[in-house]
N, C-alpha and C. Protein backbone atom coordinates (compact mmCIF):
# COMPACT_ATOMS: atom_id res chain seq x y z
N MET A 1 -60.45 160.15 90.93
CA MET A 1 -59.76 161.15 91.35
C MET A 1 -58.76 160.16 92.06
N ARG A 2 -59.27 158.70 92.82
CA ARG A 2 -58.72 157.73 93.22
C ARG A 2 -57.86 157.18 92.31
N ALA A 3 -58.40 156.98 91.10
CA ALA A 3 -57.57 156.21 89.76
C ALA A 3 -56.40 157.25 89.59
N ARG A 4 -56.71 158.36 90.11
CA ARG A 4 -55.53 159.94 89.17
C ARG A 4 -54.54 158.98 90.36
N VAL A 5 -54.89 158.96 92.18
CA VAL A 5 -54.21 159.12 93.06
C VAL A 5 -52.83 157.64 92.27
N LEU A 6 -53.65 155.77 92.51
CA LEU A 6 -53.06 155.27 92.04
C LEU A 6 -52.46 155.19 90.92
N LEU A 7 -52.68 155.87 89.75
CA LEU A 7 -51.71 156.12 88.43
C LEU A 7 -50.89 157.20 88.59
N PHE A 8 -50.74 157.94 90.70
CA PHE A 8 -49.65 159.09 90.62
C PHE A 8 -48.00 157.63 91.03
N LEU A 9 -49.65 157.29 91.72
CA LEU A 9 -48.38 155.98 92.46
C LEU A 9 -47.31 154.87 91.74
N GLY A 10 -48.53 154.30 90.73
CA GLY A 10 -47.49 153.51 89.88
C GLY A 10 -46.63 153.79 88.93
N ALA A 11 -46.73 155.06 88.88
CA ALA A 11 -45.41 155.77 88.07
C ALA A 11 -44.64 155.99 88.98
N THR A 12 -44.21 156.86 90.23
CA THR A 12 -43.11 156.72 91.19
C THR A 12 -42.85 155.84 90.79
N ALA A 13 -43.15 154.72 91.25
CA ALA A 13 -42.79 154.11 91.54
C ALA A 13 -42.34 153.64 90.64
N LEU A 14 -42.49 153.18 89.14
CA LEU A 14 -41.67 152.90 87.87
C LEU A 14 -40.25 154.09 88.20
N CYS A 15 -40.74 154.82 88.28
CA CYS A 15 -40.08 155.93 87.50
C CYS A 15 -38.15 155.94 88.89
N ALA A 16 -38.87 155.77 90.00
CA ALA A 16 -37.90 154.69 91.43
C ALA A 16 -36.92 153.71 90.44
N GLY A 17 -38.20 152.50 89.91
CA GLY A 17 -36.98 152.04 89.38
C GLY A 17 -36.45 151.83 88.42
N GLY A 18 -36.34 152.79 87.39
CA GLY A 18 -35.82 153.29 85.77
C GLY A 18 -35.04 152.56 85.13
N CYS A 19 -36.28 151.06 85.16
CA CYS A 19 -35.86 150.05 83.65
C CYS A 19 -36.48 150.25 82.66
N SER A 20 -37.08 149.80 81.82
CA SER A 20 -37.12 150.20 80.50
C SER A 20 -38.23 148.58 80.30
N LYS A 21 -39.42 149.04 79.26
CA LYS A 21 -40.69 148.34 78.88
C LYS A 21 -39.83 146.73 80.00
N SER A 22 -40.05 146.39 80.32
CA SER A 22 -40.20 145.17 81.03
C SER A 22 -40.71 144.23 82.13
N PRO A 23 -40.58 143.39 82.57
CA PRO A 23 -42.18 142.59 83.62
C PRO A 23 -41.90 143.55 84.93
N GLY A 24 -41.79 145.26 85.35
CA GLY A 24 -41.69 145.63 86.35
C GLY A 24 -43.02 146.58 85.48
N GLU A 25 -43.18 147.01 83.67
CA GLU A 25 -43.92 147.94 83.69
C GLU A 25 -44.97 146.89 83.22
N HIS A 26 -45.32 145.35 82.83
CA HIS A 26 -46.40 144.76 83.31
C HIS A 26 -46.98 145.04 84.45
N LEU A 27 -46.34 144.07 85.13
CA LEU A 27 -46.44 143.96 86.23
C LEU A 27 -47.37 145.39 87.44
N ALA A 28 -46.79 146.57 86.91
CA ALA A 28 -47.42 147.68 87.59
C ALA A 28 -48.93 147.86 86.35
N GLU A 29 -48.84 147.51 85.35
CA GLU A 29 -50.20 147.86 84.82
C GLU A 29 -50.66 147.19 84.67
N ALA A 30 -50.83 145.67 85.64
CA ALA A 30 -51.88 144.78 86.11
C ALA A 30 -52.19 145.99 87.17
N ALA A 31 -50.83 145.71 87.93
CA ALA A 31 -51.98 146.20 89.66
C ALA A 31 -52.79 147.91 89.36
N ILE A 32 -52.12 148.78 88.03
CA ILE A 32 -52.59 149.78 88.40
C ILE A 32 -54.10 149.26 87.67
N SER A 33 -54.34 148.49 86.78
CA SER A 33 -55.92 148.04 86.38
C SER A 33 -56.29 147.34 86.89
N ALA A 34 -55.67 146.25 87.54
CA ALA A 34 -56.71 146.08 89.10
C ALA A 34 -57.04 146.69 90.17
N ALA A 35 -56.02 147.67 90.68
CA ALA A 35 -57.08 148.89 91.60
C ALA A 35 -58.00 149.79 90.70
N THR A 36 -57.40 150.47 89.65
CA THR A 36 -58.61 150.94 89.16
C THR A 36 -59.62 150.47 88.22
N GLY A 37 -59.94 149.11 87.72
CA GLY A 37 -60.75 148.98 87.22
C GLY A 37 -60.96 148.74 85.68
N GLN A 38 -59.29 149.23 84.68
CA GLN A 38 -59.14 150.28 83.56
C GLN A 38 -58.16 149.82 83.21
N LYS A 39 -58.53 149.01 82.11
CA LYS A 39 -57.29 149.02 80.68
C LYS A 39 -55.84 149.37 80.90
N VAL A 40 -55.50 149.82 80.76
CA VAL A 40 -53.80 150.62 81.31
C VAL A 40 -52.29 149.91 81.16
N ASP A 41 -52.10 151.45 80.07
CA ASP A 41 -50.67 150.92 79.18
C ASP A 41 -49.48 151.97 79.84
N VAL A 42 -48.49 151.13 80.12
CA VAL A 42 -47.64 152.34 80.19
C VAL A 42 -46.12 152.10 79.27
N ALA A 43 -45.74 153.18 79.80
CA ALA A 43 -44.55 153.28 78.05
C ALA A 43 -43.50 154.06 78.76
N GLN A 44 -42.34 153.62 79.66
CA GLN A 44 -41.07 154.43 80.18
C GLN A 44 -40.03 154.64 79.78
N ASP A 45 -39.32 155.88 78.96
CA ASP A 45 -37.64 156.16 78.40
C ASP A 45 -37.80 157.24 80.04
N GLY A 46 -36.58 156.33 80.17
CA GLY A 46 -35.65 156.91 81.29
C GLY A 46 -36.60 157.49 82.32
N ASP A 47 -36.80 158.62 82.51
CA ASP A 47 -37.04 159.26 83.46
C ASP A 47 -38.66 159.70 83.18
N LYS A 48 -39.52 159.30 82.23
CA LYS A 48 -39.88 159.55 81.58
C LYS A 48 -41.12 158.95 81.70
N VAL A 49 -42.34 158.57 81.94
CA VAL A 49 -43.04 157.67 82.40
C VAL A 49 -44.74 158.32 81.42
N THR A 50 -45.22 156.92 80.98
CA THR A 50 -46.83 157.75 80.08
C THR A 50 -47.73 156.24 80.38
N PHE A 51 -48.58 156.92 81.17
CA PHE A 51 -50.07 156.27 81.27
C PHE A 51 -51.05 156.41 80.29
N GLN A 52 -51.86 154.84 79.47
CA GLN A 52 -52.83 155.39 78.29
C GLN A 52 -54.02 154.56 79.56
N THR A 53 -55.23 155.24 79.59
CA THR A 53 -56.26 154.49 80.01
C THR A 53 -57.05 155.65 78.78
N ASP A 54 -58.42 154.58 79.25
CA ASP A 54 -59.92 155.39 78.22
C ASP A 54 -59.91 156.34 79.07
N GLU A 55 -59.38 157.19 79.93
CA GLU A 55 -60.42 158.81 80.56
C GLU A 55 -58.97 159.00 79.70
N GLY A 56 -57.59 158.67 79.70
CA GLY A 56 -56.62 159.65 79.10
C GLY A 56 -55.38 160.04 79.11
N GLU A 57 -54.20 160.25 79.23
CA GLU A 57 -53.20 159.74 78.28
C GLU A 57 -52.14 160.45 80.12
N MET A 58 -51.74 159.94 80.75
CA MET A 58 -50.97 160.83 81.82
C MET A 58 -49.08 160.82 81.74
N LYS A 59 -48.77 161.85 81.46
CA LYS A 59 -47.66 161.28 81.81
C LYS A 59 -46.80 162.70 82.66
N ILE A 60 -45.35 161.65 83.45
CA ILE A 60 -45.28 162.48 84.08
C ILE A 60 -43.14 162.47 83.87
N ALA A 61 -42.38 162.80 84.28
CA ALA A 61 -41.45 163.31 83.62
C ALA A 61 -40.92 164.04 84.96
N SER A 62 -39.26 163.31 85.46
CA SER A 62 -38.39 163.64 86.86
C SER A 62 -37.11 163.55 86.73
N GLY A 63 -36.55 164.05 87.47
CA GLY A 63 -34.85 164.23 87.33
C GLY A 63 -34.48 165.09 86.64
N ASP A 64 -33.14 164.54 85.08
CA ASP A 64 -32.38 165.79 85.20
C ASP A 64 -33.60 165.68 83.30
N ASP A 65 -34.41 165.14 83.03
CA ASP A 65 -34.93 164.98 82.17
C ASP A 65 -36.83 165.73 82.17
N ALA A 66 -36.26 166.18 83.42
CA ALA A 66 -37.43 167.17 83.58
C ALA A 66 -37.78 168.25 82.69
N SER A 67 -39.31 168.86 82.17
CA SER A 67 -39.48 169.96 81.50
C SER A 67 -40.72 170.52 82.06
N LEU A 68 -40.74 171.64 81.75
CA LEU A 68 -42.27 171.69 81.81
C LEU A 68 -42.69 171.36 80.90
N PRO A 69 -43.84 171.08 80.37
CA PRO A 69 -45.19 170.63 79.26
C PRO A 69 -44.78 171.81 78.08
N LEU A 70 -45.36 170.92 76.90
CA LEU A 70 -44.95 172.22 76.11
C LEU A 70 -45.91 173.33 75.62
N ASP A 71 -47.50 172.58 76.71
CA ASP A 71 -48.11 173.57 76.46
C ASP A 71 -48.48 174.51 78.10
N PHE A 72 -47.21 174.83 78.42
CA PHE A 72 -47.83 175.05 79.56
C PHE A 72 -47.88 177.04 79.91
N PRO A 73 -49.19 177.12 80.44
CA PRO A 73 -49.00 178.61 79.84
C PRO A 73 -48.42 179.37 80.72
N HIS A 74 -48.76 180.41 79.73
CA HIS A 74 -47.39 181.22 79.51
C HIS A 74 -47.98 182.43 80.84
N ASP A 75 -49.41 182.57 81.35
CA ASP A 75 -49.64 183.52 82.18
C ASP A 75 -49.86 182.52 83.22
N VAL A 76 -49.39 181.07 83.71
CA VAL A 76 -48.51 181.53 85.14
C VAL A 76 -47.36 181.03 85.35
N TYR A 77 -47.41 181.76 86.74
CA TYR A 77 -45.94 182.62 87.26
C TYR A 77 -45.10 181.29 87.78
N LEU A 78 -43.40 181.68 87.02
CA LEU A 78 -42.30 180.86 87.62
C LEU A 78 -42.20 181.77 87.89
N PRO A 79 -40.50 180.85 88.86
CA PRO A 79 -39.41 181.96 89.28
C PRO A 79 -38.68 182.09 88.51
N ALA A 80 -38.13 183.29 88.89
CA ALA A 80 -36.54 183.33 88.67
C ALA A 80 -35.56 182.46 88.24
N GLY A 81 -34.39 181.74 87.58
CA GLY A 81 -33.53 180.53 88.31
C GLY A 81 -34.03 179.48 88.22
N TYR A 82 -35.49 179.25 87.73
CA TYR A 82 -35.95 177.61 88.83
C TYR A 82 -35.72 176.88 87.81
N LYS A 83 -35.78 175.53 88.39
CA LYS A 83 -35.27 174.90 87.89
C LYS A 83 -36.20 173.35 87.54
N VAL A 84 -36.72 172.61 86.64
CA VAL A 84 -38.15 171.97 86.70
C VAL A 84 -37.26 170.52 87.74
N GLN A 85 -37.74 170.08 88.41
CA GLN A 85 -37.66 168.46 89.22
C GLN A 85 -39.22 168.16 88.51
N SER A 86 -39.89 168.17 88.52
CA SER A 86 -40.85 167.16 88.10
C SER A 86 -41.80 167.94 87.54
N ALA A 87 -42.30 167.13 86.59
CA ALA A 87 -43.83 167.69 86.00
C ALA A 87 -44.44 166.30 85.37
N MET A 88 -45.83 166.78 85.68
CA MET A 88 -47.16 165.76 85.31
C MET A 88 -48.28 165.80 84.28
N GLU A 89 -48.81 165.33 83.44
CA GLU A 89 -49.79 166.26 82.91
C GLU A 89 -50.57 164.43 83.07
N MET A 90 -52.09 165.46 83.29
CA MET A 90 -53.23 164.91 82.62
C MET A 90 -54.52 165.67 82.35
N PRO A 91 -55.13 164.72 81.80
CA PRO A 91 -56.70 165.59 81.43
C PRO A 91 -57.08 165.94 82.42
N GLY A 92 -57.05 167.24 82.39
CA GLY A 92 -57.07 168.96 82.95
C GLY A 92 -56.71 169.34 83.91
N ALA A 93 -55.20 168.77 83.47
CA ALA A 93 -54.81 168.68 84.70
C ALA A 93 -53.37 168.50 84.31
N VAL A 94 -52.18 169.78 85.23
CA VAL A 94 -50.85 170.00 85.20
C VAL A 94 -50.32 170.03 87.30
N ILE A 95 -49.79 169.03 86.86
CA ILE A 95 -48.28 169.59 88.49
C ILE A 95 -47.05 170.17 88.59
N VAL A 96 -46.27 170.51 89.03
CA VAL A 96 -45.10 171.31 88.78
C VAL A 96 -44.20 170.84 89.98
N GLU A 97 -43.37 170.66 89.86
CA GLU A 97 -42.20 171.04 91.02
C GLU A 97 -41.58 171.70 90.52
N VAL A 98 -40.44 172.82 90.57
CA VAL A 98 -39.36 173.34 90.84
C VAL A 98 -38.57 173.84 91.45
N ASP A 99 -37.33 174.36 91.73
CA ASP A 99 -36.42 174.24 92.91
C ASP A 99 -36.10 176.11 92.42
N ALA A 100 -36.09 176.64 92.89
CA ALA A 100 -35.32 178.32 93.11
C ALA A 100 -34.69 179.09 93.59
N PRO A 101 -33.51 179.60 92.81
CA PRO A 101 -33.17 180.69 94.19
C PRO A 101 -34.16 181.63 94.96
N GLY A 102 -33.74 181.80 96.24
CA GLY A 102 -34.21 183.07 96.93
C GLY A 102 -34.94 182.86 98.57
N ARG A 103 -35.91 183.35 98.85
CA ARG A 103 -36.56 182.90 100.22
C ARG A 103 -37.64 182.79 99.83
N VAL A 104 -38.71 182.45 100.71
CA VAL A 104 -39.90 181.98 101.12
C VAL A 104 -40.79 183.14 100.89
N SER A 105 -40.74 183.87 101.54
CA SER A 105 -41.32 185.15 101.39
C SER A 105 -40.97 186.11 100.06
N THR A 106 -40.49 186.17 100.53
CA THR A 106 -39.95 186.90 98.57
C THR A 106 -40.82 186.36 97.54
N LEU A 107 -40.27 185.08 96.94
CA LEU A 107 -40.92 184.13 96.46
C LEU A 107 -42.56 184.53 96.27
N PHE A 108 -43.16 184.15 97.38
CA PHE A 108 -44.26 184.49 98.45
C PHE A 108 -45.77 185.87 97.39
N ALA A 109 -44.90 187.24 97.53
CA ALA A 109 -45.01 188.19 97.04
C ALA A 109 -44.80 188.13 95.90
N ASP A 110 -44.11 187.99 95.09
CA ASP A 110 -43.76 187.80 93.46
C ASP A 110 -43.88 187.10 92.88
N ALA A 111 -45.43 185.84 93.93
CA ALA A 111 -45.61 185.25 92.78
C ALA A 111 -47.66 185.66 93.54
N SER A 112 -47.69 186.32 94.15
CA SER A 112 -48.94 186.75 94.10
C SER A 112 -49.16 187.63 93.35
N ARG A 113 -48.02 189.68 93.26
CA ARG A 113 -48.17 190.22 92.63
C ARG A 113 -48.36 189.62 90.78
N GLN A 114 -47.20 188.63 90.60
CA GLN A 114 -47.62 187.91 89.18
C GLN A 114 -48.43 187.89 88.54
N MET A 115 -48.92 187.01 89.53
CA MET A 115 -50.41 185.94 89.34
C MET A 115 -51.26 186.89 88.74
N GLN A 116 -51.66 187.99 89.83
CA GLN A 116 -52.46 188.98 89.51
C GLN A 116 -52.66 190.15 88.67
N ALA A 117 -50.94 190.54 88.40
CA ALA A 117 -50.97 191.14 86.91
C ALA A 117 -51.19 190.74 85.92
N ARG A 118 -51.77 188.94 86.09
CA ARG A 118 -51.62 188.33 84.41
C ARG A 118 -53.47 188.23 84.33
N GLY A 119 -53.75 188.88 85.30
CA GLY A 119 -55.48 188.82 85.21
C GLY A 119 -55.50 187.42 86.40
N TRP A 120 -54.94 187.63 87.05
CA TRP A 120 -55.81 185.63 87.99
C TRP A 120 -56.04 185.93 89.46
N LYS A 121 -57.20 186.03 89.53
CA LYS A 121 -57.85 186.51 90.61
C LYS A 121 -57.13 185.86 92.31
N GLN A 122 -57.00 185.91 92.77
CA GLN A 122 -56.48 185.24 94.04
C GLN A 122 -57.04 184.96 94.80
N THR A 123 -57.61 183.52 95.41
CA THR A 123 -58.51 183.46 96.27
C THR A 123 -58.36 182.55 97.50
N MET A 124 -57.04 182.46 97.54
CA MET A 124 -56.23 182.04 99.22
C MET A 124 -54.78 182.50 99.35
N ALA A 125 -54.15 182.75 100.48
CA ALA A 125 -53.10 183.21 101.24
C ALA A 125 -52.98 182.20 102.40
N MET A 126 -51.97 181.39 102.17
CA MET A 126 -52.12 180.88 103.59
C MET A 126 -50.39 181.24 104.15
N GLN A 127 -50.11 180.86 105.01
CA GLN A 127 -48.58 181.40 105.85
C GLN A 127 -48.43 180.71 106.86
N GLN A 128 -47.67 179.89 106.59
CA GLN A 128 -47.37 178.97 107.88
C GLN A 128 -45.87 178.73 108.20
N ALA A 129 -45.36 180.07 109.52
CA ALA A 129 -44.39 180.10 109.98
C ALA A 129 -43.44 180.63 108.63
N GLY A 130 -42.36 181.54 108.55
CA GLY A 130 -41.45 181.48 107.27
C GLY A 130 -40.97 180.41 106.06
N ASP A 131 -42.02 179.19 106.75
CA ASP A 131 -40.90 178.08 105.95
C ASP A 131 -41.73 177.86 104.80
N SER A 132 -43.11 177.03 104.71
CA SER A 132 -44.29 177.05 104.13
C SER A 132 -45.41 178.05 104.20
N GLN A 133 -45.72 178.44 102.95
CA GLN A 133 -46.66 179.38 102.10
C GLN A 133 -46.95 178.43 101.43
N MET A 134 -48.99 179.08 101.07
CA MET A 134 -49.41 178.66 99.99
C MET A 134 -50.40 179.88 99.07
N LEU A 135 -50.55 179.80 97.34
CA LEU A 135 -52.07 180.96 97.53
C LEU A 135 -52.66 180.25 96.22
N GLY A 136 -53.58 181.18 96.28
CA GLY A 136 -54.83 179.84 95.57
C GLY A 136 -54.75 181.12 94.02
N PHE A 137 -55.35 180.76 92.94
CA PHE A 137 -55.81 181.46 92.18
C PHE A 137 -56.67 180.98 90.93
N GLU A 138 -57.70 181.98 91.14
CA GLU A 138 -58.62 181.71 89.70
C GLU A 138 -58.58 182.90 88.60
N LYS A 139 -59.11 181.71 87.27
CA LYS A 139 -59.28 182.69 86.35
C LYS A 139 -59.70 181.84 85.02
N ALA A 140 -60.98 181.91 84.64
CA ALA A 140 -62.44 181.29 83.88
C ALA A 140 -62.57 180.51 84.15
N ASN A 141 -61.91 179.46 83.76
CA ASN A 141 -61.77 177.23 84.59
C ASN A 141 -60.93 177.57 84.45
N ARG A 142 -60.05 177.80 85.23
CA ARG A 142 -59.04 177.61 85.70
C ARG A 142 -59.05 177.73 86.92
N SER A 143 -58.16 176.46 87.37
CA SER A 143 -57.48 177.44 89.33
C SER A 143 -56.17 176.40 88.99
N ALA A 144 -55.50 177.76 90.33
CA ALA A 144 -53.91 177.93 90.17
C ALA A 144 -53.86 177.16 91.85
N VAL A 145 -52.42 176.16 92.81
CA VAL A 145 -52.56 176.85 93.19
C VAL A 145 -50.59 176.78 93.30
N VAL A 146 -50.07 178.08 93.82
CA VAL A 146 -48.78 178.34 94.18
C VAL A 146 -48.54 177.73 95.80
N SER A 147 -47.45 176.26 96.09
CA SER A 147 -46.87 176.48 97.21
C SER A 147 -45.50 176.21 97.25
N LEU A 148 -45.38 176.85 97.93
CA LEU A 148 -44.19 177.45 97.94
C LEU A 148 -43.16 176.57 99.35
N TYR A 149 -42.00 175.64 99.38
CA TYR A 149 -41.51 175.51 101.14
C TYR A 149 -40.03 175.97 100.61
N ASP A 150 -39.62 175.57 101.98
CA ASP A 150 -38.09 176.00 102.46
C ASP A 150 -37.39 174.67 102.01
N ASN A 151 -36.40 174.78 101.05
CA ASN A 151 -35.43 173.69 100.90
C ASN A 151 -34.30 173.01 101.75
N ASP A 152 -34.23 173.93 102.92
CA ASP A 152 -33.54 173.34 103.62
C ASP A 152 -32.43 174.38 104.22
N GLY A 153 -32.79 175.93 103.53
CA GLY A 153 -31.81 176.46 103.29
C GLY A 153 -31.01 176.41 101.51
N ASP A 154 -31.47 175.65 100.68
CA ASP A 154 -30.38 175.66 99.03
C ASP A 154 -32.59 176.24 98.31
N GLY A 155 -32.82 177.38 98.65
CA GLY A 155 -33.89 177.53 97.94
C GLY A 155 -34.90 177.75 98.59
N VAL A 156 -35.76 177.29 97.50
CA VAL A 156 -36.81 177.46 97.31
C VAL A 156 -38.02 176.08 96.81
N LYS A 157 -38.89 175.74 96.94
CA LYS A 157 -38.91 174.30 96.20
C LYS A 157 -40.37 175.10 96.09
N VAL A 158 -40.78 175.13 94.66
CA VAL A 158 -41.83 175.92 94.27
C VAL A 158 -43.46 174.72 93.35
N GLY A 159 -43.94 173.96 94.00
CA GLY A 159 -45.41 173.26 93.74
C GLY A 159 -46.49 174.52 93.00
N LEU A 160 -46.54 173.50 91.81
CA LEU A 160 -48.41 174.65 90.81
C LEU A 160 -48.83 173.09 90.64
N GLN A 161 -50.24 173.50 90.73
CA GLN A 161 -50.88 172.49 90.32
C GLN A 161 -52.31 173.72 89.78
N LEU A 162 -52.36 173.07 88.82
CA LEU A 162 -53.60 174.01 87.55
C LEU A 162 -53.61 173.34 87.19
N THR A 163 -55.24 173.26 87.83
CA THR A 163 -56.90 172.35 87.22
C THR A 163 -57.37 173.51 85.79
N THR A 164 -57.71 172.74 85.77
CA THR A 164 -59.03 173.31 83.80
C THR A 164 -60.79 172.82 84.52
N LYS A 165 -61.20 172.86 84.75
CA LYS A 165 -62.83 173.57 84.62
C LYS A 165 -63.59 172.05 83.99
N GLN A 166 -64.10 171.44 83.86
CA GLN A 166 -64.58 170.98 82.10
C GLN A 166 -65.61 171.09 82.59
């Protein structure tokens, strides 16, 4: 888990830098390798960064080029009219953030209803005021967390964290 966090921080720094294969990428590879004790290869293409380690590959996309992973499960809730802001894929997990029109309370109810209709068992429902709500689900060997936050009056930010138990 520590390695995943460090990889994510390194990827975020690279995405913000916007450079191609450069001394910055080599520096990121060295820093992440030193912090994790693993050899890490970093490749960047615009707003997409790929990390390759002995444990597998991690891909991160953000900005205008961000899209859902090709194998994103069809039984996972996505709000109508969503726009992908970022996507991160790694062995056993996918984390996606989308912007969507609407209100948190409406999308919260919609997510709960749709996930259960698709065979997911709801395991958690948490509401903090009206602008921050979270749902948890399980189905077979998978779990999903749907987080909804008010986007400063400009729709809703929806976070989807999907994990597969090995």
